[in-house]
Amino acid sequence: MDQYTLNLLIVGASFALYIGIAVWARAGSTAEFYAANRGVNPVLNGMATAADWMSAASFISMAGLIAGVGYGNSTYLMGWTGGYVLLALLLAPYLRKFGKYTVPQFIGDRFYSQGARLVAVICLIIVSVTYVIGQMTGAGVAFSRFLEVEVSTGLWIASAVVFVYAVLGGMKGITYTQVAQYVVLIVAYTIPAIFISLQLTGNPIPPLGLFSTHTESGVPLLQKLDQVVTDLGFNAYTGQGSMLNMTLFTLSLMIGTAGLPHVIIRFFTVPRVADARWSAGWALVFIALLYLTAPAVGAMARLNIIDTIFPGGVEQPAVSYEQRPDWMRNWEVTGLLKYEDKNSDGLIQYYNDAAPGFTAQATERGWAGNELTINNDILVLANPEIAQLPGWVIALIAAGGLAAALSTAAGLLLAISSSVSHDLIKDWLVPGISEKSELMVARVSMAGAILVATLLGLNPPGFAAQTVALAFGLAAASIFPVLMMGIFSKRVNSAGATVGMLVGLIVTCLYLFTYLGWFFIPGTNMMENIPANYLFGIPPTAFGPIGALLNFAAAYAVSAMTAAPPRHIQELVESIRVPRGAGGAIGH
């Protein structure tokens, strides 16, 4: 059976499973559409949360970014995992105890203001749309290669599949679909990793293989990788960059994770407050299975790519373009891998032509510039082909990449639609709307969000993980601070919360748009996106903590100059934090 047919069978079977589950668990009421009727088992919710959170950025793009840079990009791992701990300990149980359907609903009630709620809806929509662009980008990449179509065509196919099962199923259908998608994505991620780890190190456990001996050379794998990348002018794989940027970027991802609305609403689906904590614990277990494997996948993919280009070692001539391996031919069709013969010798020169210290060596070897451009988003998907694994493994990783992208996209679209239908329409514009009409509005708004995300995904502002990092920065600057203040501060009032959100959101958006273009439209940026132009050297992806600090500062300053919240609101804040049935302390 040829590879294309195998891809169709395995990917098609997974899609049939998702749509079948959505039909079986379709939402019949707004309670089921928004929160699965609060009846999801904590273990299943943990699995669904892991799938919701481990997006195309985690599955497709993160290992590629680690492969391209090395240790410096481990910030993605540290930030996303650390942020989940913050979310589980500081936010999830308290928000579940409050008992609402959406994040803006909590903000509106806690800060006794429809204005604060409206600003929260705006923040949520901007964050979620930015995030979903990354998911659609990842899905488009996977579809384009494995269905052998253009990336834009793959994007439209992905949006059609999400439309069917997300619009039909709501939170109830999405939850059980995400359980299936987690199983697909974790199996798809780990099986190729095990094969490749065995090939390179003889160790079947990829995280251990990363620190094992490279079988062919007899030296530690990371030492071998450091050697070959530095021999081609790249920075050492195990080296690190600016500590300030690493710290800010990690912090941006951490607090951004804790402010992600599509993850927070997952904790509204369990029966009890205690179940919210158990869900978080189980989710961390399921997430760890992929995140412990990702650094090994990235390192081994980087070494395999260099070995296929320089089969005799980097000191020897590279492979000729005519004799390039099949995986290169396959990915060239997508436009995500490109070759330009700059010195007309017919060989593939792959090195860091931007490294000043490598210029003399490149000139001596007759190289006129790097000739191979590889999109980081293809590395995980191409890994089985590079390692020449069986066809069914290649098809499986395609299904896994699509499961990761579509599961998160569905969660984000649900967060958007519930905010529009519940927070804007039902609780503000049309309070008397019937449940049936509200459900219809939710589905229509979700369809509209899918269309917008697809159109923006045609020209994304970066690789999937980079685009997602921008969304995390926006969540860090706008949503996380107001949730923290809403739970842990009785003094912050409606005016403070509203001003804080606006300051964090506007300042962060302006910083992003300055370098990435207005609303991420190519060619509309005011300054070139290069380190020399950054304020204090802070890149757009690491600006989230700065926006969060401004949010906190503005909220506390305005609250200090205005009246304290009403007494019943202060008592509400106190009741959220105190366990039900707890009594006062007794002296002895």
Protein backbone atom coordinates (compact mmCIF):
# COMPACT_ATOMS: atom_id res chain seq x y z
CA MET A 1 0.00 0.00 0.00
CA ASP A 2 1.43 3.41 -0.96
CA GLN A 3 2.07 6.11 1.66
CA TYR A 4 -0.69 8.45 0.45
CA THR A 5 -3.36 5.74 0.80
CA LEU A 6 -2.03 4.78 4.24
CA ASN A 7 -2.20 8.44 5.32
CA LEU A 8 -5.79 8.69 4.12
CA LEU A 9 -6.83 5.53 5.96
CA ILE A 10 -5.30 6.38 9.35
CA VAL A 11 -6.11 10.11 9.32
CA GLY A 12 -9.59 9.40 7.94
CA ALA A 13 -10.26 6.79 10.63
CA SER A 14 -9.25 9.24 13.37
CA PHE A 15 -11.55 11.92 11.93
CA ALA A 16 -14.43 9.47 11.72
CA LEU A 17 -13.84 8.65 15.40
CA TYR A 18 -13.89 12.34 16.43
CA ILE A 19 -17.05 13.13 14.49
CA GLY A 20 -18.73 9.94 15.75
CA ILE A 21 -17.98 10.91 19.35
CA ALA A 22 -19.32 14.43 18.72
CA VAL A 23 -22.57 13.00 17.39
CA TRP A 24 -22.88 10.59 20.33
CA ALA A 25 -22.12 13.30 22.92
CA ARG A 26 -23.72 16.28 21.19
CA ALA A 27 -24.91 19.10 23.42
CA GLY A 28 -28.65 19.37 23.88
CA SER A 29 -28.68 22.30 26.33
CA THR A 30 -26.59 25.37 27.13
CA ALA A 31 -25.30 23.66 30.30
CA GLU A 32 -23.95 20.82 28.15
CA PHE A 33 -22.63 23.21 25.49
CA TYR A 34 -20.74 25.44 27.96
CA ALA A 35 -19.67 23.05 30.75
CA ALA A 36 -20.66 19.46 29.80
CA ASN A 37 -23.33 19.70 32.52
CA ARG A 38 -20.51 19.62 35.12
CA GLY A 39 -20.43 15.85 34.96
CA VAL A 40 -16.97 14.94 33.63
CA ASN A 41 -14.83 12.43 35.57
CA PRO A 42 -11.58 14.05 36.87
CA VAL A 43 -9.33 11.50 35.12
CA LEU A 44 -11.09 12.00 31.79
CA ASN A 45 -11.08 15.75 32.34
CA GLY A 46 -7.34 15.58 33.02
CA MET A 47 -6.82 13.75 29.75
CA ALA A 48 -9.06 16.19 27.86
CA THR A 49 -7.25 19.14 29.49
CA ALA A 50 -3.89 17.70 28.40
CA ALA A 51 -5.14 17.42 24.81
CA ASP A 52 -6.66 20.90 25.00
CA TRP A 53 -3.40 22.33 26.23
CA MET A 54 -0.87 20.31 24.19
CA SER A 55 -1.62 22.06 20.97
CA ALA A 56 0.04 22.09 17.57
CA ALA A 57 2.65 24.26 19.26
CA SER A 58 3.54 21.41 21.64
CA PHE A 59 3.22 18.53 19.18
CA ILE A 60 4.41 20.02 15.89
CA SER A 61 6.39 23.15 16.62
CA MET A 62 8.01 22.98 20.07
CA ALA A 63 10.46 20.16 19.31
CA GLY A 64 11.26 21.92 16.03
CA LEU A 65 12.13 25.13 17.86
CA ILE A 66 14.24 23.19 20.36
CA ALA A 67 15.95 21.43 17.45
CA GLY A 68 16.69 24.74 15.73
CA VAL A 69 18.17 26.52 18.76
CA GLY A 70 18.87 23.91 21.43
CA TYR A 71 18.85 24.50 25.17
CA GLY A 72 17.87 28.16 24.77
CA ASN A 73 14.40 27.17 23.57
CA SER A 74 13.79 24.85 26.51
CA THR A 75 12.05 27.94 27.89
CA TYR A 76 8.95 26.69 26.06
CA LEU A 77 8.99 23.55 28.21
CA MET A 78 9.72 25.32 31.47
CA GLY A 79 7.23 28.13 30.91
CA TRP A 80 4.29 26.01 29.80
CA THR A 81 4.76 23.37 32.49
CA GLY A 82 5.41 25.86 35.29
CA GLY A 83 2.37 27.87 34.22
CA TYR A 84 0.17 24.85 34.53
CA VAL A 85 1.28 24.42 38.14
CA LEU A 86 0.32 28.05 38.80
CA LEU A 87 -3.06 27.48 37.19
CA ALA A 88 -3.71 24.30 39.17
CA LEU A 89 -2.73 25.78 42.54
CA LEU A 90 -3.80 29.42 42.35
CA LEU A 91 -6.77 29.64 40.00
CA ALA A 92 -8.60 26.46 38.99
CA PRO A 93 -10.15 25.38 42.33
CA TYR A 94 -11.27 28.90 43.24
CA LEU A 95 -12.84 29.58 39.85
CA ARG A 96 -14.64 26.24 39.99
CA LYS A 97 -15.95 27.09 43.45
CA PHE A 98 -17.35 30.34 42.07
CA GLY A 99 -19.53 28.15 39.84
CA LYS A 100 -19.80 30.16 36.60
CA TYR A 101 -19.56 29.08 32.95
CA THR A 102 -17.00 31.57 31.59
CA VAL A 103 -14.02 33.69 32.65
CA PRO A 104 -15.72 37.02 31.76
CA GLN A 105 -18.72 35.95 33.86
CA PHE A 106 -16.46 35.57 36.90
CA ILE A 107 -14.81 38.94 36.22
CA GLY A 108 -18.15 40.69 35.70
CA ASP A 109 -19.66 39.32 38.92
CA ARG A 110 -16.52 39.68 41.07
CA PHE A 111 -15.98 43.28 39.96
CA TYR A 112 -19.74 44.03 39.91
CA SER A 113 -19.43 45.66 36.49
CA GLN A 114 -20.72 44.95 32.99
CA GLY A 115 -17.93 47.20 31.70
CA ALA A 116 -15.27 44.97 33.29
CA ARG A 117 -17.04 41.96 31.82
CA LEU A 118 -17.06 43.51 28.32
CA VAL A 119 -13.35 44.30 28.53
CA ALA A 120 -12.72 40.70 29.67
CA VAL A 121 -14.64 39.42 26.64
CA ILE A 122 -12.49 41.58 24.34
CA CYS A 123 -9.29 40.31 26.01
CA LEU A 124 -10.49 36.71 25.75
CA ILE A 125 -11.36 37.01 22.06
CA ILE A 126 -8.02 38.65 21.16
CA VAL A 127 -6.03 36.02 23.09
CA SER A 128 -8.05 33.09 21.75
CA VAL A 129 -8.01 34.22 18.11
CA THR A 130 -4.23 34.77 18.25
CA TYR A 131 -3.81 31.32 19.80
CA VAL A 132 -6.09 29.57 17.32
CA ILE A 133 -4.10 31.04 14.39
CA GLY A 134 -1.18 28.89 15.58
CA GLN A 135 -3.38 25.79 15.71
CA MET A 136 -4.77 26.30 12.23
CA THR A 137 -1.23 26.94 10.96
CA GLY A 138 -0.07 23.63 12.45
CA ALA A 139 -3.05 21.75 11.01
CA GLY A 140 -2.42 23.30 7.60
CA VAL A 141 1.22 22.16 7.70
CA ALA A 142 0.20 18.57 8.54
CA PHE A 143 -2.55 18.41 5.93
CA SER A 144 -0.38 19.94 3.21
CA ARG A 145 2.26 17.22 3.48
CA PHE A 146 0.24 14.13 4.16
CA LEU A 147 -2.64 14.86 1.82
CA GLU A 148 -0.17 16.37 -0.71
CA VAL A 149 -1.98 19.69 -1.06
CA GLU A 150 -1.07 23.37 -0.62
CA VAL A 151 -0.81 24.68 2.96
CA SER A 152 -3.78 26.98 2.33
CA THR A 153 -5.89 24.04 1.15
CA GLY A 154 -4.86 22.07 4.24
CA LEU A 155 -5.96 24.99 6.38
CA TRP A 156 -9.46 25.00 4.87
CA ILE A 157 -9.78 21.22 5.32
CA ALA A 158 -8.80 21.56 9.01
CA SER A 159 -11.36 24.31 9.55
CA ALA A 160 -14.10 22.16 7.99
CA VAL A 161 -13.36 19.22 10.30
CA VAL A 162 -13.30 21.46 13.42
CA PHE A 163 -16.55 23.08 12.30
CA VAL A 164 -18.36 19.74 12.18
CA TYR A 165 -17.47 18.33 15.58
CA ALA A 166 -17.00 21.53 17.62
CA VAL A 167 -20.15 23.31 16.50
CA LEU A 168 -22.22 20.16 16.94
CA GLY A 169 -20.80 18.86 20.21
CA GLY A 170 -20.07 21.94 22.33
CA MET A 171 -18.13 21.32 25.55
CA LYS A 172 -19.70 17.90 26.05
CA GLY A 173 -18.76 16.63 22.59
CA ILE A 174 -15.37 18.38 22.64
CA THR A 175 -14.46 16.84 26.02
CA TYR A 176 -14.89 13.24 24.92
CA THR A 177 -13.38 13.99 21.51
CA GLN A 178 -10.32 15.42 23.26
CA VAL A 179 -9.93 12.23 25.30
CA ALA A 180 -9.69 10.28 22.03
CA GLN A 181 -7.38 12.92 20.56
CA TYR A 182 -5.04 12.68 23.54
CA VAL A 183 -4.69 8.92 23.05
CA VAL A 184 -3.97 9.44 19.33
CA LEU A 185 -1.46 12.25 19.82
CA ILE A 186 0.53 10.64 22.66
CA VAL A 187 0.81 7.29 20.83
CA ALA A 188 1.78 9.12 17.63
CA TYR A 189 4.44 11.18 19.41
CA THR A 190 6.09 8.45 21.47
CA ILE A 191 6.25 5.55 18.97
CA PRO A 192 8.51 7.36 16.43
CA ALA A 193 10.57 8.75 19.32
CA ILE A 194 11.17 5.22 20.65
CA PHE A 195 12.22 3.97 17.20
CA ILE A 196 14.64 6.88 16.66
CA SER A 197 16.10 6.66 20.17
CA LEU A 198 16.81 2.96 19.55
CA GLN A 199 18.46 3.77 16.22
CA LEU A 200 20.76 6.47 17.59
CA THR A 201 21.51 5.30 21.13
CA GLY A 202 20.13 1.78 21.61
CA ASN A 203 17.97 3.10 24.47
CA PRO A 204 14.20 2.64 23.97
CA ILE A 205 13.30 5.45 26.41
CA PRO A 206 13.78 8.79 24.55
CA PRO A 207 14.38 11.04 27.63
CA LEU A 208 17.14 8.64 28.73
CA GLY A 209 18.40 8.25 25.17
CA LEU A 210 19.03 12.01 25.05
CA PHE A 211 21.74 11.56 27.71
CA SER A 212 23.03 8.24 26.39
CA THR A 213 25.97 7.43 24.12
CA HIS A 214 25.62 7.97 20.39
CA THR A 215 26.00 4.42 19.02
CA GLU A 216 27.87 5.30 15.81
CA SER A 217 30.45 7.71 17.27
CA GLY A 218 30.79 6.31 20.80
CA VAL A 219 30.46 9.77 22.41
CA PRO A 220 27.47 11.18 24.35
CA LEU A 221 24.64 12.18 22.00
CA LEU A 222 24.56 15.83 23.11
CA GLN A 223 28.35 16.11 22.81
CA LYS A 224 28.14 14.72 19.27
CA LEU A 225 25.37 17.20 18.41
CA ASP A 226 27.33 20.13 19.87
CA GLN A 227 30.29 19.12 17.73
CA VAL A 228 28.46 18.90 14.41
CA VAL A 229 26.42 22.10 14.81
CA THR A 230 29.44 24.20 15.86
CA ASP A 231 31.39 22.75 12.92
CA LEU A 232 28.70 24.32 10.69
CA GLY A 233 28.83 27.74 12.35
CA PHE A 234 25.78 27.32 14.60
CA ASN A 235 25.79 28.03 18.33
CA ALA A 236 26.44 25.07 20.62
CA TYR A 237 23.25 23.07 21.08
CA THR A 238 23.66 23.01 24.85
CA GLY A 239 24.57 26.72 25.09
CA GLN A 240 22.21 29.41 26.33
CA GLY A 241 21.46 33.00 25.33
CA SER A 242 20.46 36.10 27.28
CA MET A 243 19.37 35.22 30.83
CA LEU A 244 17.09 38.29 30.96
CA ASN A 245 15.18 37.23 27.85
CA MET A 246 15.05 33.59 28.98
CA THR A 247 13.64 34.65 32.35
CA LEU A 248 11.09 37.07 30.88
CA PHE A 249 10.01 34.63 28.18
CA THR A 250 9.63 31.76 30.67
CA LEU A 251 7.65 34.03 32.99
CA SER A 252 5.49 35.18 30.07
CA LEU A 253 4.62 31.59 29.21
CA MET A 254 4.00 30.68 32.86
CA ILE A 255 1.57 33.44 33.73
CA GLY A 256 0.13 33.33 30.23
CA THR A 257 -0.68 29.65 30.68
CA ALA A 258 -2.41 30.43 33.97
CA GLY A 259 -4.55 33.00 32.18
CA LEU A 260 -5.62 30.93 29.18
CA PRO A 261 -9.43 30.95 29.03
CA HIS A 262 -9.81 27.74 27.03
CA VAL A 263 -7.86 25.79 29.68
CA ILE A 264 -9.56 27.49 32.64
CA ILE A 265 -13.05 26.59 31.41
CA ARG A 266 -12.09 22.91 31.47
CA PHE A 267 -12.18 23.09 35.27
CA PHE A 268 -15.81 24.26 35.14
CA THR A 269 -16.82 20.82 33.82
CA VAL A 270 -16.15 18.69 36.94
CA PRO A 271 -18.75 18.03 39.65
CA ARG A 272 -16.85 19.34 42.72
CA VAL A 273 -14.07 21.76 43.69
CA ALA A 274 -11.86 18.87 44.82
CA ASP A 275 -12.26 17.34 41.35
CA ALA A 276 -10.74 20.50 39.85
CA ARG A 277 -7.51 19.83 41.78
CA TRP A 278 -7.54 16.14 40.85
CA SER A 279 -8.11 17.07 37.18
CA ALA A 280 -5.07 19.35 37.31
CA GLY A 281 -2.95 16.58 38.84
CA TRP A 282 -3.97 14.04 36.23
CA ALA A 283 -3.45 16.57 33.43
CA LEU A 284 0.15 17.14 34.58
CA VAL A 285 0.78 13.39 34.47
CA PHE A 286 -0.58 13.13 30.93
CA ILE A 287 1.30 16.26 29.81
CA ALA A 288 4.59 14.96 31.24
CA LEU A 289 4.49 11.94 28.90
CA LEU A 290 4.95 14.27 25.91
CA TYR A 291 7.02 17.02 27.50
CA LEU A 292 9.69 14.66 28.79
CA THR A 293 10.00 13.24 25.26
CA ALA A 294 10.11 16.53 23.32
CA PRO A 295 13.76 17.52 24.03
CA ALA A 296 14.93 14.11 22.83
CA VAL A 297 12.81 14.38 19.67
CA GLY A 298 14.26 17.82 18.91
CA ALA A 299 17.89 16.84 19.45
CA MET A 300 17.64 13.58 17.50
CA ALA A 301 15.82 15.27 14.61
CA ARG A 302 18.56 17.90 14.33
CA LEU A 303 21.29 15.25 14.27
CA ASN A 304 19.42 13.12 11.73
CA ILE A 305 18.94 16.09 9.38
CA ILE A 306 22.64 16.98 9.42
CA ASP A 307 23.58 13.32 8.91
CA THR A 308 21.35 13.06 5.82
CA ILE A 309 22.87 16.23 4.32
CA PHE A 310 26.45 15.30 5.22
CA PRO A 311 26.43 11.46 5.10
CA GLY A 312 30.24 11.33 5.34
CA GLY A 313 30.45 13.88 8.16
CA VAL A 314 30.43 17.67 8.08
CA GLU A 315 34.09 17.75 7.00
CA GLN A 316 33.16 15.94 3.76
CA PRO A 317 31.16 17.33 0.78
CA ALA A 318 27.38 17.51 1.22
CA VAL A 319 24.92 15.33 -0.67
CA SER A 320 24.04 16.56 -4.17
CA TYR A 321 20.63 18.01 -4.85
CA GLU A 322 19.93 15.30 -7.44
CA GLN A 323 20.64 12.61 -4.83
CA ARG A 324 18.68 14.27 -2.04
CA PRO A 325 16.68 11.87 0.16
CA ASP A 326 12.99 11.23 -0.48
CA TRP A 327 11.86 13.12 2.62
CA MET A 328 13.30 16.34 1.15
CA ARG A 329 11.50 15.77 -2.14
CA ASN A 330 8.23 15.17 -0.29
CA TRP A 331 8.45 18.33 1.82
CA GLU A 332 9.62 20.53 -1.05
CA VAL A 333 6.15 20.10 -2.55
CA THR A 334 4.64 21.92 0.45
CA GLY A 335 6.93 24.93 0.11
CA LEU A 336 8.09 24.47 3.72
CA LEU A 337 11.52 23.21 2.64
CA LYS A 338 13.40 25.18 -0.02
CA TYR A 339 16.74 24.81 -1.84
CA GLU A 340 18.65 27.50 -3.71
CA ASP A 341 21.96 26.58 -5.37
CA LYS A 342 23.88 29.79 -4.64
CA ASN A 343 27.31 28.61 -5.87
CA SER A 344 26.03 26.43 -8.76
CA ASP A 345 27.87 23.30 -7.61
CA GLY A 346 24.76 21.11 -7.32
CA LEU A 347 25.49 20.29 -3.65
CA ILE A 348 23.32 21.23 -0.66
CA GLN A 349 25.26 23.66 1.53
CA TYR A 350 23.67 23.82 4.98
CA TYR A 351 25.35 26.06 7.55
CA ASN A 352 24.96 29.29 9.51
CA ASP A 353 25.90 31.95 6.98
CA ALA A 354 25.12 34.69 9.53
CA ALA A 355 27.97 33.64 11.84
CA PRO A 356 30.87 36.14 11.36
CA GLY A 357 33.46 33.69 12.65
CA PHE A 358 32.51 31.08 10.07
CA THR A 359 32.90 33.27 6.95
CA ALA A 360 36.53 32.37 6.23
CA GLN A 361 35.89 28.63 6.52
CA ALA A 362 32.82 28.88 4.27
CA THR A 363 34.79 30.83 1.66
CA GLU A 364 37.60 28.26 1.78
CA ARG A 365 35.10 25.49 1.05
CA GLY A 366 33.57 27.46 -1.84
CA TRP A 367 30.25 28.10 -0.12
CA ALA A 368 28.31 31.24 -1.08
CA GLY A 369 25.60 31.10 1.56
CA ASN A 370 23.19 28.67 3.20
CA GLU A 371 21.17 26.93 0.49
CA LEU A 372 18.64 24.93 2.50
CA THR A 373 15.74 26.57 4.37
CA ILE A 374 13.75 24.28 6.65
CA ASN A 375 10.57 25.46 8.38
CA ASN A 376 10.84 24.42 12.05
CA ASP A 377 7.23 23.27 12.03
CA ILE A 378 8.01 20.31 9.78
CA LEU A 379 10.68 18.62 11.91
CA VAL A 380 8.46 16.45 14.12
CA LEU A 381 6.25 15.47 11.19
CA ALA A 382 9.24 14.75 8.95
CA ASN A 383 11.20 12.92 11.67
CA PRO A 384 9.89 9.40 10.84
CA GLU A 385 10.66 9.96 7.15
CA ILE A 386 14.17 11.25 7.92
CA ALA A 387 14.79 8.17 10.09
CA GLN A 388 13.28 5.91 7.36
CA LEU A 389 10.66 4.43 9.67
CA PRO A 390 7.76 2.26 8.38
CA GLY A 391 4.91 3.93 6.48
CA TRP A 392 2.33 3.30 9.21
CA VAL A 393 4.45 5.32 11.68
CA ILE A 394 4.56 8.24 9.22
CA ALA A 395 0.76 8.11 8.86
CA LEU A 396 0.33 7.82 12.64
CA ILE A 397 2.33 10.97 13.33
CA ALA A 398 0.20 12.82 10.78
CA ALA A 399 -2.92 11.79 12.70
CA GLY A 400 -1.24 12.83 15.97
CA GLY A 401 -0.27 16.27 14.71
CA LEU A 402 -3.77 16.89 13.47
CA ALA A 403 -5.28 15.65 16.74
CA ALA A 404 -3.09 18.09 18.69
CA ALA A 405 -4.01 21.06 16.50
CA LEU A 406 -7.73 20.32 16.26
CA SER A 407 -8.24 19.54 19.98
CA THR A 408 -6.87 22.90 21.07
CA ALA A 409 -8.58 24.77 18.25
CA ALA A 410 -11.92 23.33 19.40
CA GLY A 411 -11.32 24.43 23.00
CA LEU A 412 -10.38 27.94 21.93
CA LEU A 413 -13.38 28.26 19.64
CA LEU A 414 -15.66 27.14 22.47
CA ALA A 415 -14.18 29.82 24.76
CA ILE A 416 -14.86 32.45 22.09
CA SER A 417 -18.40 31.30 21.31
CA SER A 418 -19.44 30.99 24.97
CA SER A 419 -18.19 34.52 25.67
CA VAL A 420 -20.12 35.93 22.72
CA SER A 421 -23.36 34.02 23.32
CA HIS A 422 -23.41 33.94 27.13
CA ASP A 423 -21.53 37.09 28.19
CA LEU A 424 -22.43 39.48 25.38
CA ILE A 425 -25.83 38.29 24.16
CA LYS A 426 -27.60 36.61 27.10
CA ASP A 427 -26.23 38.61 30.03
CA TRP A 428 -26.01 42.01 28.34
CA LEU A 429 -27.66 42.63 24.97
CA VAL A 430 -30.67 40.23 25.05
CA PRO A 431 -31.23 39.08 28.65
CA GLY A 432 -34.54 37.40 27.79
CA ILE A 433 -33.16 35.16 25.03
CA SER A 434 -34.44 31.57 25.13
CA GLU A 435 -32.10 28.66 25.78
CA LYS A 436 -32.66 27.33 22.25
CA SER A 437 -31.80 30.71 20.70
CA GLU A 438 -28.74 31.08 22.93
CA LEU A 439 -27.49 27.67 21.79
CA MET A 440 -27.96 28.73 18.17
CA VAL A 441 -26.06 31.99 18.78
CA ALA A 442 -23.22 30.00 20.39
CA ARG A 443 -22.95 27.76 17.33
CA VAL A 444 -23.11 30.65 14.86
CA SER A 445 -20.45 32.62 16.76
CA MET A 446 -18.22 29.53 16.80
CA ALA A 447 -18.59 29.20 13.03
CA GLY A 448 -17.65 32.87 12.64
CA ALA A 449 -14.59 32.40 14.86
CA ILE A 450 -13.47 29.42 12.73
CA LEU A 451 -13.70 31.56 9.58
CA VAL A 452 -11.69 34.45 11.09
CA ALA A 453 -9.01 32.10 12.47
CA THR A 454 -8.66 30.36 9.11
CA LEU A 455 -8.27 33.63 7.20
CA LEU A 456 -5.64 34.90 9.65
CA GLY A 457 -3.91 31.50 9.62
CA LEU A 458 -3.19 31.90 5.89
CA ASN A 459 -0.53 34.50 6.84
CA PRO A 460 0.54 33.68 10.42
CA PRO A 461 2.95 35.98 12.31
CA GLY A 462 5.43 33.14 12.93
CA PHE A 463 5.84 29.40 13.40
CA ALA A 464 3.01 27.69 15.27
CA ALA A 465 4.79 27.81 18.65
CA GLN A 466 5.88 31.43 18.14
CA THR A 467 2.33 32.51 17.30
CA VAL A 468 1.06 30.69 20.38
CA ALA A 469 3.76 32.41 22.47
CA LEU A 470 2.28 35.77 21.41
CA ALA A 471 -1.14 34.61 22.68
CA PHE A 472 0.45 33.61 25.99
CA GLY A 473 1.97 37.09 26.29
CA LEU A 474 -1.44 38.68 25.71
CA ALA A 475 -3.07 36.37 28.29
CA ALA A 476 -0.29 37.16 30.76
CA ALA A 477 -0.77 40.90 30.33
CA SER A 478 -4.56 41.03 30.36
CA ILE A 479 -6.36 38.02 31.92
CA PHE A 480 -3.98 36.52 34.52
CA PRO A 481 -3.59 39.67 36.68
CA VAL A 482 -7.33 40.36 36.95
CA LEU A 483 -8.05 36.75 37.92
CA MET A 484 -5.36 36.82 40.61
CA MET A 485 -6.59 40.14 41.99
CA GLY A 486 -10.19 38.94 41.80
CA ILE A 487 -9.41 35.92 43.97
CA PHE A 488 -6.75 37.22 46.36
CA SER A 489 -7.47 40.95 46.80
CA LYS A 490 -10.59 42.37 48.42
CA ARG A 491 -9.47 45.94 47.77
CA VAL A 492 -9.28 45.95 43.95
CA ASN A 493 -12.53 47.42 42.60
CA SER A 494 -14.30 47.51 39.24
CA ALA A 495 -12.56 50.69 38.03
CA GLY A 496 -9.13 49.32 38.93
CA ALA A 497 -9.75 45.97 37.24
CA THR A 498 -11.10 47.57 34.06
CA VAL A 499 -8.24 50.07 33.75
CA GLY A 500 -5.68 47.37 34.53
CA MET A 501 -6.96 45.05 31.82
CA LEU A 502 -7.05 47.87 29.27
CA VAL A 503 -3.52 49.04 30.10
CA GLY A 504 -2.06 45.52 29.95
CA LEU A 505 -3.86 44.65 26.73
CA ILE A 506 -3.27 47.92 24.86
CA VAL A 507 0.41 48.30 25.77
CA THR A 508 1.18 44.66 24.90
CA CYS A 509 -0.76 44.81 21.62
CA LEU A 510 1.03 48.01 20.60
CA TYR A 511 4.40 46.41 21.33
CA LEU A 512 3.52 43.32 19.29
CA PHE A 513 2.03 45.28 16.39
CA THR A 514 5.10 47.55 16.27
CA TYR A 515 7.28 44.63 15.20
CA LEU A 516 4.82 42.11 13.75
CA GLY A 517 2.37 44.39 11.93
CA TRP A 518 -1.07 45.72 12.82
CA PHE A 519 -3.27 42.73 13.65
CA PHE A 520 -0.34 40.60 12.37
CA ILE A 521 -0.94 41.72 8.76
CA PRO A 522 2.39 41.39 6.87
CA GLY A 523 4.02 44.66 5.82
CA THR A 524 2.23 46.89 8.36
CA ASN A 525 4.88 46.79 11.11
CA MET A 526 6.34 50.14 12.19
CA MET A 527 9.81 48.74 13.00
CA GLU A 528 11.78 45.80 11.66
CA ASN A 529 11.50 42.71 13.89
CA ILE A 530 15.21 42.46 14.79
CA PRO A 531 16.92 42.44 18.24
CA ALA A 532 18.60 45.81 17.59
CA ASN A 533 15.18 47.51 17.54
CA TYR A 534 13.72 45.90 20.70
CA LEU A 535 13.05 48.00 23.80
CA PHE A 536 15.79 46.99 26.30
CA GLY A 537 16.40 43.97 24.06
CA ILE A 538 13.02 42.41 24.94
CA PRO A 539 11.49 40.52 21.97
CA PRO A 540 7.70 40.62 21.37
CA THR A 541 7.29 37.04 22.62
CA ALA A 542 8.78 37.97 26.03
CA PHE A 543 6.84 41.19 26.64
CA GLY A 544 3.94 39.56 28.53
CA PRO A 545 5.37 40.02 32.07
CA ILE A 546 5.93 43.73 31.40
CA GLY A 547 2.28 44.09 30.37
CA ALA A 548 1.23 42.12 33.47
CA LEU A 549 3.23 44.41 35.78
CA LEU A 550 1.61 47.45 34.19
CA ASN A 551 -1.80 45.78 34.61
CA PHE A 552 -1.22 45.15 38.33
CA ALA A 553 0.20 48.64 38.88
CA ALA A 554 -2.66 50.41 37.11
CA ALA A 555 -5.32 48.32 38.88
CA TYR A 556 -3.93 48.94 42.36
CA ALA A 557 -3.30 52.64 41.68
CA VAL A 558 -6.84 53.29 40.42
CA SER A 559 -8.38 51.18 43.20
CA ALA A 560 -6.45 53.16 45.82
CA MET A 561 -7.87 56.43 44.46
CA THR A 562 -11.48 55.20 44.26
CA ALA A 563 -14.04 53.67 46.58
CA ALA A 564 -13.53 50.17 47.99
CA PRO A 565 -15.73 47.34 46.65
CA PRO A 566 -19.12 46.89 48.38
CA ARG A 567 -19.19 44.78 51.52
CA HIS A 568 -20.97 41.84 49.87
CA ILE A 569 -18.25 41.67 47.19
CA GLN A 570 -15.53 41.57 49.83
CA GLU A 571 -17.40 38.76 51.59
CA LEU A 572 -17.71 36.96 48.23
CA VAL A 573 -13.93 37.11 47.76
CA GLU A 574 -13.45 35.76 51.27
CA SER A 575 -15.89 32.90 50.65
CA ILE A 576 -14.13 31.85 47.43
CA ARG A 577 -10.85 31.31 49.27
CA VAL A 578 -12.19 29.63 52.43
CA PRO A 579 -13.10 25.91 52.18
CA ARG A 580 -16.80 25.19 52.66
CA GLY A 581 -17.56 24.38 56.31
CA ALA A 582 -14.32 25.86 57.68
CA GLY A 583 -14.69 27.57 61.04
CA GLY A 584 -12.66 30.28 62.70
CA ALA A 585 -9.41 29.55 64.54
CA ILE A 586 -9.83 28.61 68.22
CA GLY A 587 -7.29 29.65 70.83
CA HIS A 588 -5.97 27.10 73.34
